[in-house]
Amino acid sequence: MVSVFKNIFRRMEDSKRLSQILVLVSFLIAFAAIRIITYFQKIGALFNPGIRATLHIHHLVPGIILLLISGYVGLSFWATDRIRHFMAILFGVGAALVIDEFALWLI
């Protein structure tokens, strides 16, 4: 089973589409994690620091910051695979944080 994943990863890396796949996978994992955490906070199963805090920062704000930083660094160092792949992951997480707060865009 591990060899199958190694072959798939090697093919993705050779095809130069690894950054795109990393954005997609990190977005899906982060979005699912955010939804699960906020659901459990809403039903009271997890501590929600935003309830008693005087200042509440929605996760839209760090999401926008992640998008800006990872986009700039990813474009600036596009020739370096390691940096480009790490920035692809940060970009996916930032996009998930922003899209999860999409309702705030409409208000």
Protein backbone atom coordinates (compact mmCIF):
# COMPACT_ATOMS: atom_id res chain seq x y z
CA MET A 1 0.00 0.00 0.00
CA VAL A 2 2.82 2.41 0.86
CA SER A 3 4.51 1.74 -2.47
CA VAL A 4 1.29 2.74 -4.26
CA PHE A 5 1.30 6.12 -2.51
CA LYS A 6 5.01 6.56 -3.24
CA ASN A 7 4.36 5.92 -6.94
CA ILE A 8 1.45 8.36 -6.99
CA PHE A 9 3.51 11.00 -5.16
CA ARG A 10 6.46 10.49 -7.53
CA ARG A 11 4.18 10.90 -10.56
CA MET A 12 2.68 14.08 -9.11
CA GLU A 13 6.11 15.48 -8.36
CA ASP A 14 7.34 14.66 -11.85
CA SER A 15 4.28 16.27 -13.45
CA LYS A 16 4.94 19.61 -11.67
CA ARG A 17 1.38 19.64 -10.36
CA LEU A 18 2.27 18.88 -6.78
CA SER A 19 1.73 22.50 -5.71
CA GLN A 20 -1.81 22.45 -7.08
CA ILE A 21 -2.61 19.20 -5.32
CA LEU A 22 -1.11 20.50 -2.07
CA VAL A 23 -3.35 23.57 -2.24
CA LEU A 24 -6.42 21.39 -2.78
CA VAL A 25 -5.62 18.83 -0.07
CA SER A 26 -4.62 21.43 2.53
CA PHE A 27 -7.77 23.43 1.75
CA LEU A 28 -10.03 20.39 2.19
CA ILE A 29 -8.37 19.23 5.40
CA ALA A 30 -8.30 22.72 6.94
CA PHE A 31 -11.89 23.48 5.93
CA ALA A 32 -13.12 20.19 7.44
CA ALA A 33 -11.14 20.80 10.64
CA ILE A 34 -12.46 24.37 10.97
CA ARG A 35 -16.06 23.25 10.47
CA ILE A 36 -15.69 20.45 13.03
CA ILE A 37 -14.09 22.76 15.61
CA THR A 38 -16.70 25.51 15.18
CA TYR A 39 -19.51 22.96 15.34
CA PHE A 40 -18.23 21.56 18.63
CA GLN A 41 -17.77 25.09 19.99
CA LYS A 42 -21.32 25.96 19.01
CA ILE A 43 -22.81 22.97 20.83
CA GLY A 44 -20.62 23.65 23.88
CA ALA A 45 -18.38 20.60 23.64
CA LEU A 46 -15.24 22.73 23.13
CA PHE A 47 -14.09 25.89 24.86
CA ASN A 48 -14.96 29.00 22.86
CA PRO A 49 -12.75 31.94 23.85
CA GLY A 50 -14.78 34.29 21.65
CA ILE A 51 -17.81 34.15 23.95
CA ARG A 52 -16.22 35.97 26.91
CA ALA A 53 -13.61 37.98 25.03
CA THR A 54 -14.14 41.69 24.54
CA LEU A 55 -12.37 41.54 21.18
CA HIS A 56 -13.26 38.72 18.80
CA ILE A 57 -11.13 38.25 15.70
CA HIS A 58 -12.80 36.05 13.11
CA HIS A 59 -10.59 33.52 11.39
CA LEU A 60 -11.13 35.51 8.19
CA VAL A 61 -8.37 37.90 9.32
CA PRO A 62 -5.54 35.35 9.74
CA GLY A 63 -6.80 33.70 6.55
CA ILE A 64 -6.32 36.89 4.55
CA ILE A 65 -2.88 37.40 6.09
CA LEU A 66 -1.90 33.81 5.19
CA LEU A 67 -3.15 34.28 1.64
CA LEU A 68 -1.19 37.50 1.20
CA ILE A 69 2.06 36.20 2.66
CA SER A 70 1.98 32.76 1.02
CA GLY A 71 0.96 34.22 -2.33
CA TYR A 72 3.76 36.78 -2.31
CA VAL A 73 6.46 34.37 -1.10
CA GLY A 74 5.23 31.62 -3.42
CA LEU A 75 5.45 33.90 -6.42
CA SER A 76 8.78 35.37 -5.35
CA PHE A 77 10.46 31.98 -4.85
CA TRP A 78 8.59 29.92 -7.44
CA ALA A 79 11.80 28.25 -8.65
CA THR A 80 12.50 26.69 -5.23
CA ASP A 81 10.37 23.55 -4.94
CA ARG A 82 10.48 23.28 -1.16
CA ILE A 83 9.36 26.88 -0.57
CA ARG A 84 6.73 26.68 -3.33
CA HIS A 85 5.23 23.50 -1.85
CA PHE A 86 5.19 24.91 1.69
CA MET A 87 3.56 28.13 0.46
CA ALA A 88 0.99 26.03 -1.45
CA ILE A 89 -0.01 24.39 1.84
CA LEU A 90 -0.23 27.74 3.63
CA PHE A 91 -2.25 29.16 0.74
CA GLY A 92 -4.74 26.29 0.98
CA VAL A 93 -5.14 26.75 4.74
CA GLY A 94 -5.56 30.51 4.33
CA ALA A 95 -8.16 30.01 1.62
CA ALA A 96 -10.08 27.61 3.88
CA LEU A 97 -10.06 30.16 6.71
CA VAL A 98 -11.37 32.89 4.40
CA ILE A 99 -14.02 30.80 2.66
CA ASP A 100 -15.30 29.44 5.97
CA GLU A 101 -16.19 33.01 6.95
CA PHE A 102 -17.91 33.71 3.62
CA ALA A 103 -21.12 34.76 5.38
CA LEU A 104 -19.29 37.81 6.76
CA TRP A 105 -18.65 38.98 3.21
CA LEU A 106 -22.39 39.27 2.63
CA ILE A 107 -23.17 41.39 5.69
